[in-house]
Amino acid sequence: MTRGAPLASWLAALAILLVASAADAVDRNFAGSVQVDYLLVPTSGGNLNRDTTGTSASGATVPGGNGWYGFDGFTLEATEKLAVDVSDHLSANVKVCFGCHGFELDMAYADYRVADELNVRAGRFSPTFGAFNLRHDVANHKLSDKPLPYDMGRMLRLRAWNLGVLPSPFPDNGVEINGTHWFGDDTQIDYAVYAVQGFRSGDAHPVDLDFTLSRTPYYVDDNGFPSVGARLAWTQKLGALSDVTIGGSGMYGTYDPGNSLSYAIVGGDISLRLALTNVRLEYLVRRTQIDVTDPARFALPVSATGDAVFKHGAYVEIEQPLSPALDLMARVDGLYRVGNFVADPEDEVPLRRRSSIVRYTLGASYAFERGFRLKLSTELWNFSDADDDGHTLAVGLHAAFVAAY
């Protein structure tokens, strides 16, 4: 398959849905968003190296080196989505996104809704996990970048850490059953269960998930066994303008061709809305089994670290509107990693058996008009792993324009 073929097929799918919706006069909705973000990392602490190659936490050779490398400068995120209501029970959705990974088919699925409590989804979609996945589109969150547990490319040292716990969005092929039920007018229960292909690894002896394989033209499972997951959430109205949501999510599967190395992800979340103020908290942890048949690959003794790596991630954020046009944001997020890693002699800032990142962010979002915003934010990064000069701090400055239509 050529590189142009996937994009052509996605555009063809959009065109077919547009033509079909126009011909049959069914309800349809077209929406999109685009964000251009500029990240400046002015601190010398953190050695923003520009090595041509390096080794990621999954053991693969990647551009950009390992170290404290980050995608500073301009980056772009854009999405185009078409939703068609074919009948009272059947709807279809297609979404194409563009980012540092190139073009991606973010979703292409059909929903058959029997009732509010029973909806069957089949195709390509992001499985229901956590609360942030509902807001992963750049038009739906007020800061330029995602929380670290869900980071998909803007974090510093992204190569060494191999991104967050569960980079969002995480589109996959499979089926999902979900639904919602109200108990009276104040209590709502949402659920979802699903089976999808699951994450993969491009290494014959994998030591971590390779998230890039979820966004390539070769959309095939590497072991033939699906990953499974579920989510349950409870929402309680506290008043006319206030409510609280508490949710729990889980996912389990294998990611190697031999179907012998597993990963398990669990998470909990709380969202509180008090009039105009929103407070959100999430915690995720992933346990990933690794291949330790070649102990010489690793930086630490295999006998002391075992055959599994744990990666924890959490964030707390507060969103406070000051006017219809201006919103202020404050967020504290972080990652904590325990386990072995591939040795890289060229890595100037190697991981340790226990490594952590804490980031503090203050930001503002100003709407010039409906659908067009300016996002500004300042980040202070604190790393547990120092380089040769003892640097552990870095500062990031974001300026982004986002438009939704």
Protein backbone atom coordinates (compact mmCIF):
# COMPACT_ATOMS: atom_id res chain seq x y z
CA MET A 1 0.00 0.00 0.00
CA THR A 2 1.42 3.38 -0.93
CA ARG A 3 1.53 6.29 1.50
CA GLY A 4 -1.10 8.17 -0.53
CA ALA A 5 -3.56 5.29 -0.53
CA PRO A 6 -4.75 5.60 3.11
CA LEU A 7 -5.45 9.32 2.79
CA ALA A 8 -7.22 8.79 -0.52
CA SER A 9 -9.39 6.04 0.97
CA TRP A 10 -10.32 8.22 3.98
CA LEU A 11 -11.26 11.13 1.73
CA ALA A 12 -13.25 8.72 -0.43
CA ALA A 13 -15.12 7.50 2.66
CA LEU A 14 -15.96 11.09 3.58
CA ALA A 15 -17.13 11.77 0.04
CA ILE A 16 -19.30 8.65 -0.04
CA LEU A 17 -21.00 9.61 3.22
CA LEU A 18 -21.56 13.15 1.98
CA VAL A 19 -23.07 11.95 -1.29
CA ALA A 20 -25.19 9.33 0.44
CA SER A 21 -26.46 11.76 3.02
CA ALA A 22 -27.36 14.30 0.33
CA ALA A 23 -29.06 11.69 -1.85
CA ASP A 24 -31.14 10.21 0.95
CA ALA A 25 -31.86 13.53 2.67
CA VAL A 26 -30.88 12.12 6.07
CA ASP A 27 -29.65 14.23 8.95
CA ARG A 28 -25.94 14.97 8.82
CA ASN A 29 -23.48 17.12 10.73
CA PHE A 30 -20.05 18.28 9.62
CA ALA A 31 -17.61 19.69 12.19
CA GLY A 32 -13.92 20.30 12.54
CA SER A 33 -11.19 22.04 14.48
CA VAL A 34 -7.64 23.20 13.92
CA GLN A 35 -4.97 24.33 16.39
CA VAL A 36 -1.53 25.69 15.65
CA ASP A 37 0.68 25.76 18.75
CA TYR A 38 4.13 27.23 19.32
CA LEU A 39 6.16 25.75 22.18
CA LEU A 40 9.26 27.57 23.38
CA VAL A 41 11.61 25.91 25.89
CA PRO A 42 14.00 28.74 26.83
CA THR A 43 15.85 26.99 29.67
CA SER A 44 19.27 25.54 29.01
CA GLY A 45 18.66 23.03 31.78
CA GLY A 46 17.43 19.89 30.11
CA ASN A 47 19.78 19.84 27.11
CA LEU A 48 17.30 19.92 24.23
CA ASN A 49 19.56 17.79 22.06
CA ARG A 50 19.00 17.36 18.37
CA ASP A 51 20.60 13.95 17.84
CA THR A 52 19.58 12.45 14.53
CA THR A 53 18.67 9.10 16.07
CA GLY A 54 18.08 7.61 19.48
CA THR A 55 16.46 4.71 21.29
CA SER A 56 12.94 4.94 22.64
CA ALA A 57 11.74 3.21 25.80
CA SER A 58 10.32 0.47 23.59
CA GLY A 59 13.81 -0.19 22.21
CA ALA A 60 13.13 1.14 18.70
CA THR A 61 15.45 3.53 16.85
CA VAL A 62 13.66 6.85 16.44
CA PRO A 63 14.49 10.33 15.17
CA GLY A 64 15.12 13.10 17.63
CA GLY A 65 17.28 11.25 20.13
CA ASN A 66 16.32 10.27 23.64
CA GLY A 67 17.44 12.75 26.33
CA TRP A 68 15.15 15.68 27.01
CA TYR A 69 13.99 16.04 23.45
CA GLY A 70 10.58 17.61 22.83
CA PHE A 71 8.60 18.84 19.85
CA ASP A 72 9.24 22.52 20.40
CA GLY A 73 8.46 25.05 17.67
CA PHE A 74 5.21 24.95 15.68
CA THR A 75 2.93 21.91 15.71
CA LEU A 76 -0.50 21.49 14.17
CA GLU A 77 -3.56 19.45 15.11
CA ALA A 78 -6.56 19.37 12.80
CA THR A 79 -9.71 17.22 12.64
CA GLU A 80 -12.60 16.85 10.23
CA LYS A 81 -15.68 14.87 11.28
CA LEU A 82 -18.87 13.85 9.52
CA ALA A 83 -21.82 12.31 11.38
CA VAL A 84 -24.86 10.94 9.54
CA ASP A 85 -28.14 9.78 11.10
CA VAL A 86 -29.24 7.07 8.70
CA SER A 87 -32.41 6.23 10.67
CA ASP A 88 -33.87 6.58 14.15
CA HIS A 89 -31.59 3.78 15.33
CA LEU A 90 -28.57 3.81 13.01
CA SER A 91 -25.86 6.47 12.70
CA ALA A 92 -22.39 6.58 11.15
CA ASN A 93 -19.30 8.65 12.00
CA VAL A 94 -16.08 9.29 10.09
CA LYS A 95 -13.25 11.45 11.43
CA VAL A 96 -9.84 12.25 9.95
CA CYS A 97 -7.15 13.97 12.02
CA PHE A 98 -3.73 15.43 11.21
CA GLY A 99 -0.83 15.97 13.60
CA CYS A 100 2.85 15.24 14.03
CA HIS A 101 2.03 11.63 13.07
CA GLY A 102 0.57 12.72 9.70
CA PHE A 103 -2.96 11.87 8.59
CA GLU A 104 -4.89 9.34 10.66
CA LEU A 105 -8.31 7.75 10.46
CA ASP A 106 -9.40 8.62 14.00
CA MET A 107 -12.83 7.03 13.66
CA ALA A 108 -15.00 5.22 11.15
CA TYR A 109 -17.81 3.39 12.90
CA ALA A 110 -21.53 2.75 13.00
CA ASP A 111 -23.80 2.98 16.06
CA TYR A 112 -26.98 0.93 16.31
CA ARG A 113 -28.99 2.25 19.24
CA VAL A 114 -31.65 -0.14 20.49
CA ALA A 115 -32.43 2.09 23.48
CA ASP A 116 -30.61 4.62 25.66
CA GLU A 117 -29.37 1.70 27.74
CA LEU A 118 -28.12 -0.36 24.78
CA ASN A 119 -26.00 0.90 21.90
CA VAL A 120 -23.82 -1.32 19.69
CA ARG A 121 -20.74 0.30 18.09
CA ALA A 122 -18.60 -1.38 15.43
CA GLY A 123 -15.68 -0.10 13.38
CA ARG A 124 -12.71 2.10 14.27
CA PHE A 125 -13.05 4.27 17.39
CA SER A 126 -11.36 5.22 20.64
CA PRO A 127 -12.52 2.73 23.29
CA THR A 128 -14.30 4.29 26.25
CA PHE A 129 -11.63 4.86 28.91
CA GLY A 130 -11.34 7.67 31.44
CA ALA A 131 -12.89 11.11 31.37
CA PHE A 132 -10.35 13.05 29.31
CA ASN A 133 -10.95 10.99 26.17
CA LEU A 134 -14.28 12.81 25.81
CA ARG A 135 -12.34 16.12 25.64
CA HIS A 136 -9.23 15.06 23.69
CA ASP A 137 -10.10 17.21 20.67
CA VAL A 138 -8.23 20.53 20.81
CA ALA A 139 -11.52 22.45 20.63
CA ASN A 140 -12.74 20.77 23.83
CA HIS A 141 -9.96 21.60 26.30
CA LYS A 142 -8.64 25.04 27.20
CA LEU A 143 -4.88 24.32 27.45
CA SER A 144 -2.61 23.80 24.44
CA ASP A 145 -1.51 20.31 25.42
CA LYS A 146 -3.00 17.21 27.01
CA PRO A 147 -2.46 16.02 30.61
CA LEU A 148 0.69 13.93 30.96
CA PRO A 149 -1.15 10.59 31.52
CA TYR A 150 -2.73 11.08 28.08
CA ASP A 151 0.17 12.89 26.38
CA MET A 152 0.68 12.05 22.71
CA GLY A 153 3.75 14.06 21.77
CA ARG A 154 4.19 17.46 23.47
CA MET A 155 5.92 16.33 26.65
CA LEU A 156 9.65 16.82 27.18
CA ARG A 157 11.74 13.63 27.20
CA LEU A 158 8.97 11.93 25.25
CA ARG A 159 11.39 9.37 23.76
CA ALA A 160 12.81 8.19 27.07
CA TRP A 161 9.35 7.98 28.64
CA ASN A 162 7.59 6.62 25.54
CA LEU A 163 4.77 9.17 25.95
CA GLY A 164 2.17 8.98 28.71
CA VAL A 165 0.27 6.10 30.25
CA LEU A 166 -2.42 5.98 27.54
CA PRO A 167 -1.89 8.55 24.75
CA SER A 168 -5.18 10.05 23.63
CA PRO A 169 -6.83 9.55 21.23
CA PHE A 170 -6.11 5.83 20.89
CA PRO A 171 -8.23 4.69 17.90
CA ASP A 172 -8.61 0.96 17.41
CA ASN A 173 -10.69 -1.56 15.48
CA GLY A 174 -13.36 -3.55 17.28
CA VAL A 175 -16.81 -3.53 18.85
CA GLU A 176 -18.25 -1.81 21.91
CA ILE A 177 -21.54 -1.97 23.78
CA ASN A 178 -22.44 1.11 25.80
CA GLY A 179 -25.44 2.84 27.27
CA THR A 180 -26.80 5.22 29.87
CA HIS A 181 -29.68 5.05 32.36
CA TRP A 182 -31.30 7.74 34.49
CA PHE A 183 -32.64 7.05 37.96
CA GLY A 184 -35.15 9.83 38.35
CA ASP A 185 -33.98 13.29 37.29
CA ASP A 186 -30.77 13.52 39.33
CA THR A 187 -28.79 10.28 38.94
CA GLN A 188 -27.20 8.91 35.78
CA ILE A 189 -25.23 5.70 35.20
CA ASP A 190 -23.06 5.19 32.10
CA TYR A 191 -21.32 1.96 31.11
CA ALA A 192 -19.24 0.54 28.26
CA VAL A 193 -17.66 -2.83 27.48
CA TYR A 194 -15.53 -3.51 24.43
CA ALA A 195 -13.17 -5.82 22.55
CA VAL A 196 -10.57 -4.24 20.25
CA GLN A 197 -7.33 -5.26 18.53
CA GLY A 198 -5.25 -3.74 21.30
CA PHE A 199 -1.80 -2.20 21.36
CA ARG A 200 1.23 -3.73 19.63
CA SER A 201 5.03 -3.69 19.58
CA GLY A 202 7.33 -3.54 16.58
CA ASP A 203 10.17 -5.29 18.45
CA ALA A 204 10.75 -9.04 18.25
CA HIS A 205 11.64 -8.87 21.97
CA PRO A 206 9.42 -6.00 23.19
CA VAL A 207 10.03 -3.98 26.33
CA ASP A 208 7.09 -1.58 25.93
CA LEU A 209 4.08 -0.75 23.78
CA ASP A 210 4.75 0.96 20.46
CA PHE A 211 1.95 3.52 20.12
CA THR A 212 3.00 4.53 16.61
CA LEU A 213 1.79 1.14 15.35
CA SER A 214 -1.75 2.25 16.18
CA ARG A 215 -1.35 5.07 13.67
CA THR A 216 0.15 3.46 10.58
CA PRO A 217 -1.37 2.20 7.31
CA TYR A 218 -0.97 -1.42 8.48
CA TYR A 219 -4.06 -1.79 10.67
CA VAL A 220 -3.76 -5.47 11.55
CA ASP A 221 -3.50 -7.25 14.88
CA ASP A 222 -0.12 -8.80 15.61
CA ASN A 223 -1.39 -11.79 17.59
CA GLY A 224 -5.04 -12.33 16.67
CA PHE A 225 -6.27 -11.99 20.26
CA PRO A 226 -8.38 -8.96 21.20
CA SER A 227 -7.88 -6.69 24.17
CA VAL A 228 -10.89 -6.13 26.38
CA GLY A 229 -11.99 -3.26 28.58
CA ALA A 230 -14.85 -1.59 30.41
CA ARG A 231 -15.91 1.65 32.05
CA LEU A 232 -18.57 2.54 34.61
CA ALA A 233 -19.45 6.11 35.63
CA TRP A 234 -21.96 7.63 38.04
CA THR A 235 -23.18 11.22 37.72
CA GLN A 236 -25.15 12.96 40.44
CA LYS A 237 -26.79 16.36 40.10
CA LEU A 238 -26.03 18.59 43.07
CA GLY A 239 -28.18 21.49 41.92
CA ALA A 240 -29.40 23.31 38.86
CA LEU A 241 -25.83 24.22 37.82
CA SER A 242 -23.72 21.69 39.74
CA ASP A 243 -22.96 17.98 39.44
CA VAL A 244 -20.29 15.40 40.16
CA THR A 245 -19.14 12.40 38.09
CA ILE A 246 -17.12 9.48 39.44
CA GLY A 247 -15.81 6.87 37.01
CA GLY A 248 -13.60 3.81 36.80
CA SER A 249 -12.01 2.20 33.73
CA GLY A 250 -9.95 -0.86 32.90
CA MET A 251 -8.25 -2.46 29.88
CA TYR A 252 -6.33 -5.73 29.45
CA GLY A 253 -4.62 -7.47 26.55
CA THR A 254 -1.42 -8.84 25.07
CA TYR A 255 0.81 -6.86 22.71
CA ASP A 256 3.45 -9.25 21.34
CA PRO A 257 3.16 -11.64 18.37
CA GLY A 258 3.54 -14.62 20.70
CA ASN A 259 0.56 -13.50 22.81
CA SER A 260 2.61 -13.98 25.99
CA LEU A 261 3.33 -10.42 27.19
CA SER A 262 0.38 -8.58 28.69
CA TYR A 263 -0.53 -5.03 29.61
CA ALA A 264 -3.19 -3.90 32.05
CA ILE A 265 -4.42 -0.33 32.52
CA VAL A 266 -6.76 0.86 35.26
CA GLY A 267 -7.93 4.37 36.03
CA GLY A 268 -10.25 6.42 38.18
CA ASP A 269 -11.62 9.91 37.65
CA ILE A 270 -13.68 12.57 39.42
CA SER A 271 -15.21 15.62 37.72
CA LEU A 272 -16.91 18.31 39.79
CA ARG A 273 -18.85 21.22 38.33
CA LEU A 274 -19.82 24.00 40.73
CA ALA A 275 -21.71 26.62 38.74
CA LEU A 276 -19.02 27.92 36.33
CA THR A 277 -16.05 26.25 38.05
CA ASN A 278 -14.81 22.84 36.85
CA VAL A 279 -12.46 20.66 38.90
CA ARG A 280 -11.12 17.45 37.35
CA LEU A 281 -8.91 14.68 38.72
CA GLU A 282 -7.72 11.46 37.07
CA TYR A 283 -5.30 8.71 38.02
CA LEU A 284 -4.03 5.97 35.67
CA VAL A 285 -1.58 3.12 36.09
CA ARG A 286 -0.31 0.64 33.50
CA ARG A 287 1.53 -2.63 34.16
CA THR A 288 3.45 -3.86 31.11
CA GLN A 289 5.23 -7.19 30.95
CA ILE A 290 8.57 -7.02 29.11
CA ASP A 291 10.81 -9.54 27.35
CA VAL A 292 13.90 -10.14 29.51
CA THR A 293 15.41 -13.04 27.56
CA ASP A 294 18.43 -10.82 26.74
CA PRO A 295 19.54 -9.21 30.02
CA ALA A 296 22.42 -7.41 28.27
CA ARG A 297 19.94 -5.02 26.62
CA PHE A 298 18.93 -3.49 29.91
CA ALA A 299 20.50 -0.80 32.03
CA LEU A 300 19.62 -2.53 35.31
CA PRO A 301 19.97 -6.14 36.51
CA VAL A 302 16.95 -8.12 35.35
CA SER A 303 16.84 -10.21 38.51
CA ALA A 304 16.37 -7.07 40.60
CA THR A 305 13.71 -5.38 38.47
CA GLY A 306 11.62 -8.34 37.30
CA ASP A 307 9.76 -8.66 34.01
CA ALA A 308 7.24 -5.83 34.36
CA VAL A 309 7.26 -2.03 34.21
CA PHE A 310 4.74 0.15 36.05
CA LYS A 311 3.84 3.61 34.79
CA HIS A 312 1.58 5.86 36.87
CA GLY A 313 0.04 9.14 35.75
CA ALA A 314 -2.26 11.69 37.34
CA TYR A 315 -3.52 15.25 36.95
CA VAL A 316 -5.63 17.77 38.81
CA GLU A 317 -6.93 20.82 36.98
CA ILE A 318 -9.21 23.75 37.73
CA GLU A 319 -11.00 25.71 35.03
CA GLN A 320 -12.47 29.07 36.06
CA PRO A 321 -14.26 31.37 33.59
CA LEU A 322 -13.84 35.05 34.41
CA SER A 323 -16.10 36.28 31.62
CA PRO A 324 -17.88 34.82 28.57
CA ALA A 325 -14.61 35.28 26.65
CA LEU A 326 -11.86 34.61 29.21
CA ASP A 327 -11.06 31.35 31.04
CA LEU A 328 -8.22 30.70 33.46
CA MET A 329 -6.68 27.24 33.92
CA ALA A 330 -4.39 25.72 36.54
CA ARG A 331 -3.10 22.16 36.35
CA VAL A 332 -0.65 19.90 38.17
CA ASP A 333 0.15 16.63 36.44
CA GLY A 334 2.85 14.02 36.55
CA LEU A 335 4.23 10.62 35.66
CA TYR A 336 5.97 8.02 37.83
CA ARG A 337 7.78 5.04 36.32
CA VAL A 338 9.13 1.94 38.09
CA GLY A 339 11.12 -0.76 36.29
CA ASN A 340 13.91 -1.54 33.86
CA PHE A 341 14.69 0.16 30.55
CA VAL A 342 16.85 -0.35 27.47
CA ALA A 343 20.44 0.86 27.91
CA ASP A 344 21.44 3.67 25.55
CA PRO A 345 25.09 4.81 25.90
CA GLU A 346 24.31 8.05 24.00
CA ASP A 347 21.53 9.05 26.38
CA GLU A 348 22.83 11.97 28.44
CA VAL A 349 19.91 11.80 30.88
CA PRO A 350 19.06 8.13 31.46
CA LEU A 351 16.08 6.93 33.40
CA ARG A 352 16.41 5.28 36.78
CA ARG A 353 14.63 2.35 38.33
CA ARG A 354 12.25 4.92 39.80
CA SER A 355 11.80 8.09 37.74
CA SER A 356 9.22 10.85 37.93
CA ILE A 357 8.04 14.03 36.25
CA VAL A 358 5.93 16.76 37.83
CA ARG A 359 4.62 19.65 35.73
CA TYR A 360 2.91 22.84 36.92
CA THR A 361 0.84 24.77 34.36
CA LEU A 362 -0.95 28.12 34.42
CA GLY A 363 -2.89 29.18 31.35
CA ALA A 364 -5.61 31.36 29.90
CA SER A 365 -7.95 30.99 26.96
CA TYR A 366 -9.48 34.03 25.28
CA ALA A 367 -12.31 33.78 22.74
CA PHE A 368 -12.21 36.51 20.11
CA GLU A 369 -15.51 35.19 18.90
CA ARG A 370 -17.41 31.93 19.03
CA GLY A 371 -15.19 29.14 17.77
CA PHE A 372 -11.92 31.12 17.67
CA ARG A 373 -9.62 31.18 20.71
CA LEU A 374 -6.12 32.14 21.77
CA LYS A 375 -4.48 29.83 24.32
CA LEU A 376 -1.51 30.96 26.40
CA SER A 377 0.22 28.91 29.09
CA THR A 378 3.43 28.58 31.10
CA GLU A 379 4.81 25.24 32.28
CA LEU A 380 7.40 24.41 34.93
CA TRP A 381 8.84 20.89 34.59
CA ASN A 382 10.57 19.09 37.46
CA PHE A 383 12.44 15.88 36.58
CA SER A 384 13.82 13.39 39.08
CA ASP A 385 16.66 12.47 36.67
CA ALA A 386 19.42 15.06 36.39
CA ASP A 387 21.93 15.43 33.56
CA ASP A 388 25.68 15.83 34.04
CA ASP A 389 25.22 19.46 35.05
CA GLY A 390 22.59 18.63 37.64
CA HIS A 391 19.68 20.21 35.74
CA THR A 392 16.25 18.99 36.81
CA LEU A 393 14.04 21.95 35.84
CA ALA A 394 12.74 23.18 32.48
CA VAL A 395 10.27 25.86 31.45
CA GLY A 396 7.85 25.68 28.54
CA LEU A 397 5.82 28.51 27.00
CA HIS A 398 2.81 27.78 24.79
CA ALA A 399 0.92 30.09 22.43
CA ALA A 400 -1.81 28.56 20.31
CA PHE A 401 -4.70 29.57 18.11
CA VAL A 402 -7.61 27.14 17.86
CA ALA A 403 -10.68 27.36 15.64
CA ALA A 404 -13.74 25.11 15.79
CA TYR A 405 -16.44 25.02 13.15
